[in-house]
Amino acid sequence: FQEIILDHYRRPRNKGTIEQADEHVRLRKSPTCGDTIGLDVRLDGDRLADVRFVGEGCSISQASASMMTQAVKG
């Protein structure tokens, strides 16, 4: 798992914003470590057509956001 986490941290998938997002979750700052994550979502009916994240933080938080966006699309 360590290699997967480092790969997603170094080359995050779906990082950025969606210009015409249907939903936007503002950046949330972790009270314990200071990491931030925000999400943009574009819907196609009841399907997630696109999801992207923005944020800063440790390798675990950024890699997990990258992996989550891949897992929930479609």
C-alpha atoms as a PDB file:
ATOM      1  CA  PHE A   1       0.000   0.000   0.000  1.00  0.00           C
ATOM      2  CA  GLN A   2       2.863   2.389   0.672  1.00  0.00           C
ATOM      3  CA  GLU A   3       3.807   2.503  -3.026  1.00  0.00           C
ATOM      4  CA  ILE A   4       0.195   3.214  -4.034  1.00  0.00           C
ATOM      5  CA  ILE A   5      -0.095   6.021  -1.492  1.00  0.00           C
ATOM      6  CA  LEU A   6       3.164   7.606  -2.612  1.00  0.00           C
ATOM      7  CA  ASP A   7       2.149   7.338  -6.272  1.00  0.00           C
ATOM      8  CA  HIS A   8      -1.184   9.093  -5.628  1.00  0.00           C
ATOM      9  CA  TYR A   9       0.583  11.737  -3.528  1.00  0.00           C
ATOM     10  CA  ARG A  10       3.215  12.432  -6.186  1.00  0.00           C
ATOM     11  CA  ARG A  11       0.790  12.196  -9.127  1.00  0.00           C
ATOM     12  CA  PRO A  12      -2.683  12.947  -7.744  1.00  0.00           C
ATOM     13  CA  ARG A  13      -5.621  11.979  -9.901  1.00  0.00           C
ATOM     14  CA  ASN A  14      -8.534  14.384 -10.323  1.00  0.00           C
ATOM     15  CA  LYS A  15      -6.843  17.287  -8.542  1.00  0.00           C
ATOM     16  CA  GLY A  16      -8.281  20.650  -9.484  1.00  0.00           C
ATOM     17  CA  THR A  17     -11.674  22.283  -9.813  1.00  0.00           C
ATOM     18  CA  ILE A  18     -14.724  21.848 -12.037  1.00  0.00           C
ATOM     19  CA  GLU A  19     -15.781  25.168 -13.560  1.00  0.00           C
ATOM     20  CA  GLN A  20     -19.500  24.390 -13.675  1.00  0.00           C
ATOM     21  CA  ALA A  21     -19.778  22.068 -10.688  1.00  0.00           C
ATOM     22  CA  ASP A  22     -23.229  21.035  -9.497  1.00  0.00           C
ATOM     23  CA  GLU A  23     -21.994  20.826  -5.916  1.00  0.00           C
ATOM     24  CA  HIS A  24     -19.006  22.305  -4.150  1.00  0.00           C
ATOM     25  CA  VAL A  25     -17.773  21.415  -0.678  1.00  0.00           C
ATOM     26  CA  ARG A  26     -15.646  24.211   0.684  1.00  0.00           C
ATOM     27  CA  LEU A  27     -12.176  23.485   1.957  1.00  0.00           C
ATOM     28  CA  ARG A  28     -12.353  21.748   5.307  1.00  0.00           C
ATOM     29  CA  LYS A  29      -9.435  22.110   7.655  1.00  0.00           C
ATOM     30  CA  SER A  30      -8.615  19.283  10.001  1.00  0.00           C
ATOM     31  CA  PRO A  31      -8.485  20.619  13.564  1.00  0.00           C
ATOM     32  CA  THR A  32      -5.792  18.112  14.513  1.00  0.00           C
ATOM     33  CA  CYS A  33      -3.286  18.390  11.674  1.00  0.00           C
ATOM     34  CA  GLY A  34      -4.291  21.365   9.507  1.00  0.00           C
ATOM     35  CA  ASP A  35      -4.762  19.422   6.256  1.00  0.00           C
ATOM     36  CA  THR A  36      -7.414  20.827   3.916  1.00  0.00           C
ATOM     37  CA  ILE A  37      -9.685  19.149   1.351  1.00  0.00           C
ATOM     38  CA  GLY A  38     -12.418  20.559  -0.868  1.00  0.00           C
ATOM     39  CA  LEU A  39     -14.527  18.803  -3.509  1.00  0.00           C
ATOM     40  CA  ASP A  40     -16.286  19.781  -6.720  1.00  0.00           C
ATOM     41  CA  VAL A  41     -18.898  17.419  -8.150  1.00  0.00           C
ATOM     42  CA  ARG A  42     -20.678  17.322 -11.490  1.00  0.00           C
ATOM     43  CA  LEU A  43     -23.743  15.104 -11.751  1.00  0.00           C
ATOM     44  CA  ASP A  44     -25.336  13.290 -14.659  1.00  0.00           C
ATOM     45  CA  GLY A  45     -28.725  12.309 -13.262  1.00  0.00           C
ATOM     46  CA  ASP A  46     -27.952  10.251 -10.173  1.00  0.00           C
ATOM     47  CA  ARG A  47     -24.429   9.413 -11.360  1.00  0.00           C
ATOM     48  CA  LEU A  48     -21.212  11.248 -10.452  1.00  0.00           C
ATOM     49  CA  ALA A  49     -19.979  12.328 -13.869  1.00  0.00           C
ATOM     50  CA  ASP A  50     -16.904  14.069 -12.477  1.00  0.00           C
ATOM     51  CA  VAL A  51     -15.383  14.757  -9.091  1.00  0.00           C
ATOM     52  CA  ARG A  52     -12.243  16.713  -8.322  1.00  0.00           C
ATOM     53  CA  PHE A  53     -10.463  17.799  -5.176  1.00  0.00           C
ATOM     54  CA  VAL A  54      -8.262  20.642  -4.040  1.00  0.00           C
ATOM     55  CA  GLY A  55      -6.258  20.844  -0.876  1.00  0.00           C
ATOM     56  CA  GLU A  56      -2.976  20.678   0.911  1.00  0.00           C
ATOM     57  CA  GLY A  57      -1.616  18.354   3.511  1.00  0.00           C
ATOM     58  CA  CYS A  58       0.276  15.213   4.266  1.00  0.00           C
ATOM     59  CA  SER A  59       0.773  12.370   1.818  1.00  0.00           C
ATOM     60  CA  ILE A  60      -1.985  10.281   3.436  1.00  0.00           C
ATOM     61  CA  SER A  61      -4.695  12.957   3.196  1.00  0.00           C
ATOM     62  CA  GLN A  62      -3.862  13.975  -0.363  1.00  0.00           C
ATOM     63  CA  ALA A  63      -3.418  10.406  -1.607  1.00  0.00           C
ATOM     64  CA  SER A  64      -6.687   9.304  -0.005  1.00  0.00           C
ATOM     65  CA  ALA A  65      -8.533  12.202  -1.678  1.00  0.00           C
ATOM     66  CA  SER A  66      -7.027  11.157  -5.016  1.00  0.00           C
ATOM     67  CA  MET A  67      -8.009   7.508  -4.501  1.00  0.00           C
ATOM     68  CA  MET A  68     -11.505   8.456  -3.326  1.00  0.00           C
ATOM     69  CA  THR A  69     -12.190  10.502  -6.470  1.00  0.00           C
ATOM     70  CA  GLN A  70     -11.242   7.521  -8.631  1.00  0.00           C
ATOM     71  CA  ALA A  71     -13.432   5.174  -6.609  1.00  0.00           C
ATOM     72  CA  VAL A  72     -16.634   7.255  -6.692  1.00  0.00           C
ATOM     73  CA  LYS A  73     -16.689   8.422 -10.328  1.00  0.00           C
ATOM     74  CA  GLY A  74     -19.441   6.857 -12.366  1.00  0.00           C
END
